[in-house]
């Protein structure tokens, strides 16, 4: 496992722990100040404030399982990766998605600077 694989897996796991704990502030703190975020809702979010609001509105007891599937280094300060994600809502309904993220070295830590989810479910 390369250092990029390890870093991506650690950030993804920390994101999952915060998400599963309902810690919207903890999740938003994992993003850079100017992050671009495309979640499951149609409109993109920009910056930590909008990302915090997004996570504050995730239904309570929604959980996530995440598994990295591809990781690559773009340069010394940027790591990209793709993960298979399964969100489980409070009603038990599962929603599989693909997640692509860019991590940027930011003030001595790796933070998410770009986040994009794509739906894996067939259209109804």
Foldseek 3Di string as FASTA:
>chain_A
DDPQVVQVVVLVVQLQVCLQVLNLVSNLVQADQFAWEADPDHDIDTGSVRSSVVSNPQDPNKHKDKDWDDKDAPDPFKIKTKIWMWIAHPVRDIWIWIKIFMWGCDPNGTGTRYIHIDGPDDDD
